[in-house]
Each structure stands twice: as C-alpha cells, then as structure tokens.
Amino acid sequence: MPPARKRARAYDPARTRAAVLAQFGNVREGVRTLSPEQLALPTRLGDWTVRELVAHVGMALTAVDRLLGEPEPARQDGRLLDWPSAIAADADAIAATARALAAEHPDLDAHLADVERRFTGRLDTHPGTRLLPTSAGALPLADYVVTRTVELVVHTDDLNAAVPGLDIPYDRQALAAASRLLADALAVKAPGGSTEVRIPPYAVVQCVEGLRHTRGTPPNVVETDPLTWVRLAAGRLSWKDAVDGARVSASGERADLGDLLPLLR
C-alpha cells in the first residue's frame, strides 16, 4: 500500500497577519534611521540601491492590493507550495516597479505607512478564502499572505547585509512561517523520505528519494538555524559556503542539498 499523502501544513490567518505586520513594522523602524548616504548604498541584489530595496519591501504588501484588484479566479488551481518556484517569472517587472516607486516616493516612511494602511484595510474587508490570480496560480488570500513572511524576512536580511549596523530584528512568527513554507517547498521539490532536514525550533521535513526512515536516528540528516535556511533557500548563501562555514550540519550520503537549492528562482 502506498504511503498516505501528507496533509498540507495549516497556518492561522490571524497569526500570519500579525507576523507580517510585525516584520513590516520592524523594517519601517529601521528605515527611519537611514541617512541619504545609507539609502544610496549598493545591495547584493544586482544594481539595486538600498532606497530601491526599501521600495521593493513595500511591494510585498502592495502585491495583495494589486491582486485583489484583479478579477477573482473561478477556482483554485495553485498551491501555496508552488509559490517559491513561480516567482522568478515576475523578476523583471518587479525590478522596474521598485525603481519607479523609489523615484516617486522620496519620503519612504510616509510611503510605507500608506502601504501598511492599505494592506490592513484590504485584509479587513476580504475573507481569507478570496482567490487571487498569483504567478503560482489561483491561491486563497490567506495562503498568499503566508508568502509575504518569506518576502519580508528575505529582504530584511538584504537590508541588514547592505547597511552595516542596521540590525533590523526578525519577528519570531514571521521567521517561523518563512522557515516552514520553504522547508515544505523543499519536500515537494524533492519528495521522499531518505533525508531529514531539521530547522529548529520551527520545522522538520523528510525529503529526497531513497530508503524511507521510520525510527531511530535517520541515516541522512541536515540541520541548520532558521535564518541560514532562509538564506540558502533564497540563494543568498551557497550550500558549499554554508557547509564550509559550519552554518549547516550535513551527515549521510544523501545529505547534500546543493543541487536542490535555492528554492526561490
């Protein structure tokens, strides 16, 4: 008899909303401290400046507003776990929009405040079941909001990397949701049960084809902390550098995830 299909992870919409707003608030607090010279600094995202990156962070929430403005799809034909592999299709348009927004809004704090107001207003007036036409297919609003935790955590890390000493904090629930979504996406990309990936304290998944582990210590184990996992999944850190730098513990012949990462393409 084939193994039962694993039930998709459930996310509490109220906690997800709180996590998104908390992380967005952390970014806003950090942005308020930036000088014009710091806003002009380069980032690790190609030729984006910090100012353009901040504008892009706002887009993590305005995307909800934009998608709610589109006609509602007739039925759901996407899955939350399809989202990480689908976002690359929007990369060029996203970059152009970020640059335009950065030029149009010299007062970034006022812009982000307006973005937050519109986001909360949209969530207050639409049910979580409302379908959105995303790049990953039609998804419920509640599921799409989970993806915002990934966007915000990844780009918070980008900002911290670009501005020495900025140190924007990571909301615990936002980091947890982002870690879990990306771990589950790995399990979908490489289905199986031969390798256990541990991201304490937030997630444990089994993946990669091979003999399925059922009890005792798994023969193939990968373990890392949540922020390192997000960096690996987002392509901000290579597998080799993470292993060589002891940021990841990997044991067993099927514990090399280098060919499966990054997940956000």
C-alpha atoms as a PDB file:
ATOM      1  CA  MET A   1       0.000   0.000   0.000  1.00  0.00           C
ATOM      2  CA  PRO A   2       1.460   3.417  -0.938  1.00  0.00           C
ATOM      3  CA  PRO A   3       2.111   5.846   1.939  1.00  0.00           C
ATOM      4  CA  ALA A   4      -0.699   8.243   2.773  1.00  0.00           C
ATOM      5  CA  ARG A   5      -0.321  11.679   1.283  1.00  0.00           C
ATOM      6  CA  LYS A   6       0.888  14.131   3.875  1.00  0.00           C
ATOM      7  CA  ARG A   7      -1.629  16.792   4.850  1.00  0.00           C
ATOM      8  CA  ALA A   8      -0.605  20.321   3.922  1.00  0.00           C
ATOM      9  CA  ARG A   9       0.563  22.449   6.830  1.00  0.00           C
ATOM     10  CA  ALA A  10      -2.088  24.813   8.182  1.00  0.00           C
ATOM     11  CA  TYR A  11      -1.366  28.446   9.058  1.00  0.00           C
ATOM     12  CA  ASP A  12      -3.527  30.514  11.378  1.00  0.00           C
ATOM     13  CA  PRO A  13      -4.572  33.630   9.392  1.00  0.00           C
ATOM     14  CA  ALA A  14      -4.624  35.896  12.443  1.00  0.00           C
ATOM     15  CA  ARG A  15      -1.110  34.881  13.490  1.00  0.00           C
ATOM     16  CA  THR A  16       0.161  35.202   9.934  1.00  0.00           C
ATOM     17  CA  ARG A  17      -1.291  38.692   9.613  1.00  0.00           C
ATOM     18  CA  ALA A  18       0.256  39.698  12.940  1.00  0.00           C
ATOM     19  CA  ALA A  19       3.631  38.299  11.851  1.00  0.00           C
ATOM     20  CA  VAL A  20       3.586  40.159   8.531  1.00  0.00           C
ATOM     21  CA  LEU A  21       2.673  43.451  10.184  1.00  0.00           C
ATOM     22  CA  ALA A  22       5.257  42.954  12.929  1.00  0.00           C
ATOM     23  CA  GLN A  23       8.073  42.337  10.444  1.00  0.00           C
ATOM     24  CA  PHE A  24       6.935  45.201   8.237  1.00  0.00           C
ATOM     25  CA  GLY A  25       6.927  47.402  11.347  1.00  0.00           C
ATOM     26  CA  ASN A  26      10.477  46.316  12.136  1.00  0.00           C
ATOM     27  CA  VAL A  27      11.547  47.366   8.644  1.00  0.00           C
ATOM     28  CA  ARG A  28       9.801  50.727   8.986  1.00  0.00           C
ATOM     29  CA  GLU A  29      11.605  51.414  12.260  1.00  0.00           C
ATOM     30  CA  GLY A  30      14.927  50.599  10.652  1.00  0.00           C
ATOM     31  CA  VAL A  31      14.274  52.674   7.540  1.00  0.00           C
ATOM     32  CA  ARG A  32      13.534  55.750   9.668  1.00  0.00           C
ATOM     33  CA  THR A  33      17.140  55.720  10.860  1.00  0.00           C
ATOM     34  CA  LEU A  34      18.727  55.672   7.397  1.00  0.00           C
ATOM     35  CA  SER A  35      20.608  58.700   6.135  1.00  0.00           C
ATOM     36  CA  PRO A  36      20.593  59.770   2.456  1.00  0.00           C
ATOM     37  CA  GLU A  37      24.087  58.304   2.167  1.00  0.00           C
ATOM     38  CA  GLN A  38      22.919  54.948   3.527  1.00  0.00           C
ATOM     39  CA  LEU A  39      19.898  54.913   1.212  1.00  0.00           C
ATOM     40  CA  ALA A  40      22.295  55.315  -1.712  1.00  0.00           C
ATOM     41  CA  LEU A  41      24.416  52.306  -0.711  1.00  0.00           C
ATOM     42  CA  PRO A  42      24.559  49.296  -3.046  1.00  0.00           C
ATOM     43  CA  THR A  43      22.893  45.988  -2.152  1.00  0.00           C
ATOM     44  CA  ARG A  44      23.577  42.378  -3.051  1.00  0.00           C
ATOM     45  CA  LEU A  45      20.619  42.493  -5.456  1.00  0.00           C
ATOM     46  CA  GLY A  46      22.345  43.434  -8.677  1.00  0.00           C
ATOM     47  CA  ASP A  47      22.353  47.197  -9.181  1.00  0.00           C
ATOM     48  CA  TRP A  48      19.624  47.980  -6.647  1.00  0.00           C
ATOM     49  CA  THR A  49      20.343  50.649  -4.064  1.00  0.00           C
ATOM     50  CA  VAL A  50      19.070  50.494  -0.501  1.00  0.00           C
ATOM     51  CA  ARG A  51      16.373  53.028  -1.443  1.00  0.00           C
ATOM     52  CA  GLU A  52      15.126  50.761  -4.244  1.00  0.00           C
ATOM     53  CA  LEU A  53      15.232  47.750  -1.946  1.00  0.00           C
ATOM     54  CA  VAL A  54      13.108  49.579   0.630  1.00  0.00           C
ATOM     55  CA  ALA A  55      10.603  50.436  -2.091  1.00  0.00           C
ATOM     56  CA  HIS A  56      10.533  46.759  -3.020  1.00  0.00           C
ATOM     57  CA  VAL A  57       9.825  45.792   0.593  1.00  0.00           C
ATOM     58  CA  GLY A  58       6.692  47.924   0.338  1.00  0.00           C
ATOM     59  CA  MET A  59       5.717  45.898  -2.719  1.00  0.00           C
ATOM     60  CA  ALA A  60       5.481  42.796  -0.532  1.00  0.00           C
ATOM     61  CA  LEU A  61       2.249  44.270   0.828  1.00  0.00           C
ATOM     62  CA  THR A  62       1.044  46.245  -2.185  1.00  0.00           C
ATOM     63  CA  ALA A  63       1.028  42.971  -4.129  1.00  0.00           C
ATOM     64  CA  VAL A  64      -2.033  41.996  -2.100  1.00  0.00           C
ATOM     65  CA  ASP A  65      -3.763  45.227  -3.046  1.00  0.00           C
ATOM     66  CA  ARG A  66      -2.870  44.744  -6.717  1.00  0.00           C
ATOM     67  CA  LEU A  67      -4.068  41.138  -6.887  1.00  0.00           C
ATOM     68  CA  LEU A  68      -7.329  41.953  -5.106  1.00  0.00           C
ATOM     69  CA  GLY A  69      -7.938  44.498  -7.843  1.00  0.00           C
ATOM     70  CA  GLU A  70      -7.910  41.723 -10.452  1.00  0.00           C
ATOM     71  CA  PRO A  71     -10.998  39.625 -11.278  1.00  0.00           C
ATOM     72  CA  GLU A  72     -11.347  36.701  -8.892  1.00  0.00           C
ATOM     73  CA  PRO A  73     -10.446  33.351 -10.488  1.00  0.00           C
ATOM     74  CA  ALA A  74     -13.289  30.851 -10.816  1.00  0.00           C
ATOM     75  CA  ARG A  75     -11.457  28.132  -8.903  1.00  0.00           C
ATOM     76  CA  GLN A  76      -8.241  27.451  -7.053  1.00  0.00           C
ATOM     77  CA  ASP A  77      -5.660  25.876  -9.339  1.00  0.00           C
ATOM     78  CA  GLY A  78      -2.469  26.602  -7.421  1.00  0.00           C
ATOM     79  CA  ARG A  79      -0.913  25.514  -4.139  1.00  0.00           C
ATOM     80  CA  LEU A  80       0.898  27.553  -1.556  1.00  0.00           C
ATOM     81  CA  LEU A  81       3.983  25.375  -2.046  1.00  0.00           C
ATOM     82  CA  ASP A  82       4.046  26.183  -5.772  1.00  0.00           C
ATOM     83  CA  TRP A  83       4.822  29.832  -4.983  1.00  0.00           C
ATOM     84  CA  PRO A  84       8.604  29.647  -4.317  1.00  0.00           C
ATOM     85  CA  SER A  85       9.373  28.196  -7.752  1.00  0.00           C
ATOM     86  CA  ALA A  86       6.999  30.553  -9.589  1.00  0.00           C
ATOM     87  CA  ILE A  87       8.189  33.991  -8.507  1.00  0.00           C
ATOM     88  CA  ALA A  88      11.075  34.269 -10.984  1.00  0.00           C
ATOM     89  CA  ALA A  89       8.583  34.916 -13.787  1.00  0.00           C
ATOM     90  CA  ASP A  90       7.872  38.344 -12.273  1.00  0.00           C
ATOM     91  CA  ALA A  91      11.514  39.369 -11.682  1.00  0.00           C
ATOM     92  CA  ASP A  92      11.952  41.931 -14.462  1.00  0.00           C
ATOM     93  CA  ALA A  93       8.641  43.687 -13.802  1.00  0.00           C
ATOM     94  CA  ILE A  94       9.355  43.726 -10.064  1.00  0.00           C
ATOM     95  CA  ALA A  95      12.739  45.416 -10.559  1.00  0.00           C
ATOM     96  CA  ALA A  96      11.289  48.105 -12.825  1.00  0.00           C
ATOM     97  CA  THR A  97       8.442  48.813 -10.412  1.00  0.00           C
ATOM     98  CA  ALA A  98      10.811  49.066  -7.425  1.00  0.00           C
ATOM     99  CA  ARG A  99      12.931  51.655  -9.212  1.00  0.00           C
ATOM    100  CA  ALA A 100       9.884  53.675 -10.207  1.00  0.00           C
ATOM    101  CA  LEU A 101       8.490  53.618  -6.668  1.00  0.00           C
ATOM    102  CA  ALA A 102      11.820  54.691  -5.199  1.00  0.00           C
ATOM    103  CA  ALA A 103      11.863  57.690  -7.531  1.00  0.00           C
ATOM    104  CA  GLU A 104       8.212  58.608  -6.918  1.00  0.00           C
ATOM    105  CA  HIS A 105       8.355  58.472  -3.101  1.00  0.00           C
ATOM    106  CA  PRO A 106      11.228  60.486  -1.638  1.00  0.00           C
ATOM    107  CA  ASP A 107       9.624  60.134   1.821  1.00  0.00           C
ATOM    108  CA  LEU A 108       9.936  56.386   2.221  1.00  0.00           C
ATOM    109  CA  ASP A 109       8.483  56.303   5.727  1.00  0.00           C
ATOM    110  CA  ALA A 110       5.304  58.023   4.576  1.00  0.00           C
ATOM    111  CA  HIS A 111       5.106  55.646   1.622  1.00  0.00           C
ATOM    112  CA  LEU A 112       5.473  52.568   3.850  1.00  0.00           C
ATOM    113  CA  ALA A 113       2.872  53.932   6.271  1.00  0.00           C
ATOM    114  CA  ASP A 114       0.406  54.279   3.395  1.00  0.00           C
ATOM    115  CA  VAL A 115       1.253  50.772   2.180  1.00  0.00           C
ATOM    116  CA  GLU A 116       0.535  49.364   5.634  1.00  0.00           C
ATOM    117  CA  ARG A 117      -2.813  51.176   5.899  1.00  0.00           C
ATOM    118  CA  ARG A 118      -3.974  49.846   2.539  1.00  0.00           C
ATOM    119  CA  PHE A 119      -2.827  46.315   3.374  1.00  0.00           C
ATOM    120  CA  THR A 120      -4.699  46.196   6.690  1.00  0.00           C
ATOM    121  CA  GLY A 121      -7.765  47.725   5.063  1.00  0.00           C
ATOM    122  CA  ARG A 122      -7.775  45.062   2.373  1.00  0.00           C
ATOM    123  CA  LEU A 123      -7.473  42.231   4.900  1.00  0.00           C
ATOM    124  CA  ASP A 124     -10.279  43.751   6.971  1.00  0.00           C
ATOM    125  CA  THR A 125     -12.675  43.768   4.017  1.00  0.00           C
ATOM    126  CA  HIS A 126     -11.884  40.486   2.239  1.00  0.00           C
ATOM    127  CA  PRO A 127     -12.226  36.918   3.523  1.00  0.00           C
ATOM    128  CA  GLY A 128      -9.198  34.664   3.597  1.00  0.00           C
ATOM    129  CA  THR A 129     -10.911  32.377   1.087  1.00  0.00           C
ATOM    130  CA  ARG A 130     -10.955  35.085  -1.599  1.00  0.00           C
ATOM    131  CA  LEU A 131      -8.915  33.769  -4.570  1.00  0.00           C
ATOM    132  CA  LEU A 132      -6.031  35.765  -6.029  1.00  0.00           C
ATOM    133  CA  PRO A 133      -4.513  35.306  -9.524  1.00  0.00           C
ATOM    134  CA  THR A 134      -0.864  34.825  -8.482  1.00  0.00           C
ATOM    135  CA  SER A 135       2.132  33.662 -10.512  1.00  0.00           C
ATOM    136  CA  ALA A 136       1.682  30.278  -8.823  1.00  0.00           C
ATOM    137  CA  GLY A 137      -1.948  30.027  -9.936  1.00  0.00           C
ATOM    138  CA  ALA A 138      -5.122  30.968  -8.106  1.00  0.00           C
ATOM    139  CA  LEU A 139      -4.470  30.961  -4.353  1.00  0.00           C
ATOM    140  CA  PRO A 140      -6.622  31.932  -1.371  1.00  0.00           C
ATOM    141  CA  LEU A 141      -5.774  35.293   0.160  1.00  0.00           C
ATOM    142  CA  ALA A 142      -4.890  33.630   3.483  1.00  0.00           C
ATOM    143  CA  ASP A 143      -2.308  31.425   1.746  1.00  0.00           C
ATOM    144  CA  TYR A 144      -0.818  34.302  -0.203  1.00  0.00           C
ATOM    145  CA  VAL A 145      -0.329  36.308   2.992  1.00  0.00           C
ATOM    146  CA  VAL A 146       1.907  33.474   4.256  1.00  0.00           C
ATOM    147  CA  THR A 147       4.229  34.110   1.307  1.00  0.00           C
ATOM    148  CA  ARG A 148       4.627  37.695   2.499  1.00  0.00           C
ATOM    149  CA  THR A 149       6.581  36.429   5.512  1.00  0.00           C
ATOM    150  CA  VAL A 150       9.180  34.990   3.145  1.00  0.00           C
ATOM    151  CA  GLU A 151       9.445  38.233   1.192  1.00  0.00           C
ATOM    152  CA  LEU A 152       9.817  40.305   4.344  1.00  0.00           C
ATOM    153  CA  VAL A 153      12.323  38.051   6.102  1.00  0.00           C
ATOM    154  CA  VAL A 154      14.488  37.678   2.991  1.00  0.00           C
ATOM    155  CA  HIS A 155      14.550  41.403   2.286  1.00  0.00           C
ATOM    156  CA  THR A 156      15.092  42.316   5.926  1.00  0.00           C
ATOM    157  CA  ASP A 157      18.234  40.206   5.667  1.00  0.00           C
ATOM    158  CA  ASP A 158      19.165  42.002   2.420  1.00  0.00           C
ATOM    159  CA  LEU A 159      18.837  45.372   4.152  1.00  0.00           C
ATOM    160  CA  ASN A 160      20.900  44.254   7.127  1.00  0.00           C
ATOM    161  CA  ALA A 161      23.601  42.989   4.771  1.00  0.00           C
ATOM    162  CA  ALA A 162      23.657  46.284   2.862  1.00  0.00           C
ATOM    163  CA  VAL A 163      23.811  48.688   5.813  1.00  0.00           C
ATOM    164  CA  PRO A 164      26.416  47.869   8.471  1.00  0.00           C
ATOM    165  CA  GLY A 165      24.967  48.069  11.966  1.00  0.00           C
ATOM    166  CA  LEU A 166      21.339  48.370  10.840  1.00  0.00           C
ATOM    167  CA  ASP A 167      20.331  45.107  12.544  1.00  0.00           C
ATOM    168  CA  ILE A 168      16.592  45.137  11.841  1.00  0.00           C
ATOM    169  CA  PRO A 169      15.166  42.384  14.086  1.00  0.00           C
ATOM    170  CA  TYR A 170      13.262  39.350  12.839  1.00  0.00           C
ATOM    171  CA  ASP A 171       9.802  38.734  14.218  1.00  0.00           C
ATOM    172  CA  ARG A 172       9.689  35.206  15.623  1.00  0.00           C
ATOM    173  CA  GLN A 173       6.399  34.258  13.963  1.00  0.00           C
ATOM    174  CA  ALA A 174       7.450  35.714  10.602  1.00  0.00           C
ATOM    175  CA  LEU A 175      10.709  33.762  10.688  1.00  0.00           C
ATOM    176  CA  ALA A 176       8.835  30.608  11.724  1.00  0.00           C
ATOM    177  CA  ALA A 177       6.306  30.860   8.875  1.00  0.00           C
ATOM    178  CA  ALA A 178       9.011  31.603   6.312  1.00  0.00           C
ATOM    179  CA  SER A 179      11.145  28.674   7.513  1.00  0.00           C
ATOM    180  CA  ARG A 180       8.218  26.259   7.425  1.00  0.00           C
ATOM    181  CA  LEU A 181       6.977  27.306   3.999  1.00  0.00           C
ATOM    182  CA  LEU A 182      10.434  26.952   2.475  1.00  0.00           C
ATOM    183  CA  ALA A 183      11.068  23.609   4.220  1.00  0.00           C
ATOM    184  CA  ASP A 184       7.784  22.225   2.917  1.00  0.00           C
ATOM    185  CA  ALA A 185       8.623  23.534  -0.560  1.00  0.00           C
ATOM    186  CA  LEU A 186      11.865  21.543  -0.450  1.00  0.00           C
ATOM    187  CA  ALA A 187       9.911  18.401   0.444  1.00  0.00           C
ATOM    188  CA  VAL A 188       7.675  18.991  -2.591  1.00  0.00           C
ATOM    189  CA  LYS A 189      10.627  19.661  -4.893  1.00  0.00           C
ATOM    190  CA  ALA A 190      12.478  16.522  -3.738  1.00  0.00           C
ATOM    191  CA  PRO A 191       9.821  14.081  -2.496  1.00  0.00           C
ATOM    192  CA  GLY A 192      10.984  11.104  -0.492  1.00  0.00           C
ATOM    193  CA  GLY A 193      11.933  10.058   2.989  1.00  0.00           C
ATOM    194  CA  SER A 194      15.637   9.275   2.989  1.00  0.00           C
ATOM    195  CA  THR A 195      16.828  12.631   4.335  1.00  0.00           C
ATOM    196  CA  GLU A 196      15.609  14.551   7.354  1.00  0.00           C
ATOM    197  CA  VAL A 197      16.017  18.332   7.265  1.00  0.00           C
ATOM    198  CA  ARG A 198      15.833  19.977  10.666  1.00  0.00           C
ATOM    199  CA  ILE A 199      15.399  23.721  11.200  1.00  0.00           C
ATOM    200  CA  PRO A 200      14.938  24.005  14.956  1.00  0.00           C
ATOM    201  CA  PRO A 201      12.765  25.138  16.537  1.00  0.00           C
ATOM    202  CA  TYR A 202      10.403  25.630  13.596  1.00  0.00           C
ATOM    203  CA  ALA A 203      10.435  22.787  11.095  1.00  0.00           C
ATOM    204  CA  VAL A 204      11.404  19.199  10.345  1.00  0.00           C
ATOM    205  CA  VAL A 205      10.747  17.631   6.940  1.00  0.00           C
ATOM    206  CA  GLN A 206      11.705  14.440   5.176  1.00  0.00           C
ATOM    207  CA  CYS A 207      12.700  14.556   1.536  1.00  0.00           C
ATOM    208  CA  VAL A 208      14.887  13.013  -1.219  1.00  0.00           C
ATOM    209  CA  GLU A 209      14.208   9.646  -2.817  1.00  0.00           C
ATOM    210  CA  GLY A 210      15.660   6.541  -1.209  1.00  0.00           C
ATOM    211  CA  LEU A 211      15.032   4.216   1.701  1.00  0.00           C
ATOM    212  CA  ARG A 212      12.453   5.779   3.962  1.00  0.00           C
ATOM    213  CA  HIS A 213      13.454   6.395   7.545  1.00  0.00           C
ATOM    214  CA  THR A 214      10.889   5.117  10.070  1.00  0.00           C
ATOM    215  CA  ARG A 215      12.514   5.023  13.511  1.00  0.00           C
ATOM    216  CA  GLY A 216      15.705   5.805  15.370  1.00  0.00           C
ATOM    217  CA  THR A 217      18.371   8.176  14.095  1.00  0.00           C
ATOM    218  CA  PRO A 218      17.929   8.931  10.377  1.00  0.00           C
ATOM    219  CA  PRO A 219      20.876   7.892   8.163  1.00  0.00           C
ATOM    220  CA  ASN A 220      20.879  11.272   6.386  1.00  0.00           C
ATOM    221  CA  VAL A 221      20.402  14.447   8.417  1.00  0.00           C
ATOM    222  CA  VAL A 222      20.708  18.124   7.577  1.00  0.00           C
ATOM    223  CA  GLU A 223      20.382  20.699  10.354  1.00  0.00           C
ATOM    224  CA  THR A 224      20.704  24.465  10.384  1.00  0.00           C
ATOM    225  CA  ASP A 225      19.252  27.552  12.035  1.00  0.00           C
ATOM    226  CA  PRO A 226      16.205  29.343  10.567  1.00  0.00           C
ATOM    227  CA  LEU A 227      17.982  32.401   9.148  1.00  0.00           C
ATOM    228  CA  THR A 228      20.678  30.300   7.482  1.00  0.00           C
ATOM    229  CA  TRP A 229      17.933  28.132   5.990  1.00  0.00           C
ATOM    230  CA  VAL A 230      16.123  31.160   4.581  1.00  0.00           C
ATOM    231  CA  ARG A 231      19.400  32.411   3.087  1.00  0.00           C
ATOM    232  CA  LEU A 232      20.043  29.042   1.460  1.00  0.00           C
ATOM    233  CA  ALA A 233      16.509  28.783   0.106  1.00  0.00           C
ATOM    234  CA  ALA A 234      16.625  32.340  -1.244  1.00  0.00           C
ATOM    235  CA  GLY A 235      20.028  31.986  -2.871  1.00  0.00           C
ATOM    236  CA  ARG A 236      21.742  34.461  -0.543  1.00  0.00           C
ATOM    237  CA  LEU A 237      24.124  31.757   0.692  1.00  0.00           C
ATOM    238  CA  SER A 238      25.535  28.820  -1.252  1.00  0.00           C
ATOM    239  CA  TRP A 239      25.359  25.279   0.078  1.00  0.00           C
ATOM    240  CA  LYS A 240      29.149  24.915  -0.098  1.00  0.00           C
ATOM    241  CA  ASP A 241      29.804  28.128   1.814  1.00  0.00           C
ATOM    242  CA  ALA A 242      27.231  27.180   4.456  1.00  0.00           C
ATOM    243  CA  VAL A 243      28.809  23.755   4.994  1.00  0.00           C
ATOM    244  CA  ASP A 244      32.385  25.045   4.870  1.00  0.00           C
ATOM    245  CA  GLY A 245      31.478  27.770   7.346  1.00  0.00           C
ATOM    246  CA  ALA A 246      29.818  25.271   9.723  1.00  0.00           C
ATOM    247  CA  ARG A 247      26.459  27.012   9.310  1.00  0.00           C
ATOM    248  CA  VAL A 248      24.961  23.673   8.249  1.00  0.00           C
ATOM    249  CA  SER A 249      25.485  20.198   9.659  1.00  0.00           C
ATOM    250  CA  ALA A 250      25.057  17.511   6.969  1.00  0.00           C
ATOM    251  CA  SER A 251      25.666  13.807   7.564  1.00  0.00           C
ATOM    252  CA  GLY A 252      24.969  10.842   5.268  1.00  0.00           C
ATOM    253  CA  GLU A 253      25.424  10.148   1.558  1.00  0.00           C
ATOM    254  CA  ARG A 254      22.076  11.764   0.701  1.00  0.00           C
ATOM    255  CA  ALA A 255      22.541  14.860   2.862  1.00  0.00           C
ATOM    256  CA  ASP A 256      23.954  17.101   0.111  1.00  0.00           C
ATOM    257  CA  LEU A 257      21.192  19.555  -0.859  1.00  0.00           C
ATOM    258  CA  GLY A 258      23.402  21.666  -3.102  1.00  0.00           C
ATOM    259  CA  ASP A 259      21.627  20.639  -6.316  1.00  0.00           C
ATOM    260  CA  LEU A 260      18.189  21.383  -4.827  1.00  0.00           C
ATOM    261  CA  LEU A 261      18.900  24.944  -3.681  1.00  0.00           C
ATOM    262  CA  PRO A 262      17.969  27.732  -3.977  1.00  0.00           C
ATOM    263  CA  LEU A 263      14.198  27.278  -3.929  1.00  0.00           C
ATOM    264  CA  LEU A 264      13.285  30.869  -4.868  1.00  0.00           C
ATOM    265  CA  ARG A 265      14.097  31.087  -8.577  1.00  0.00           C
END
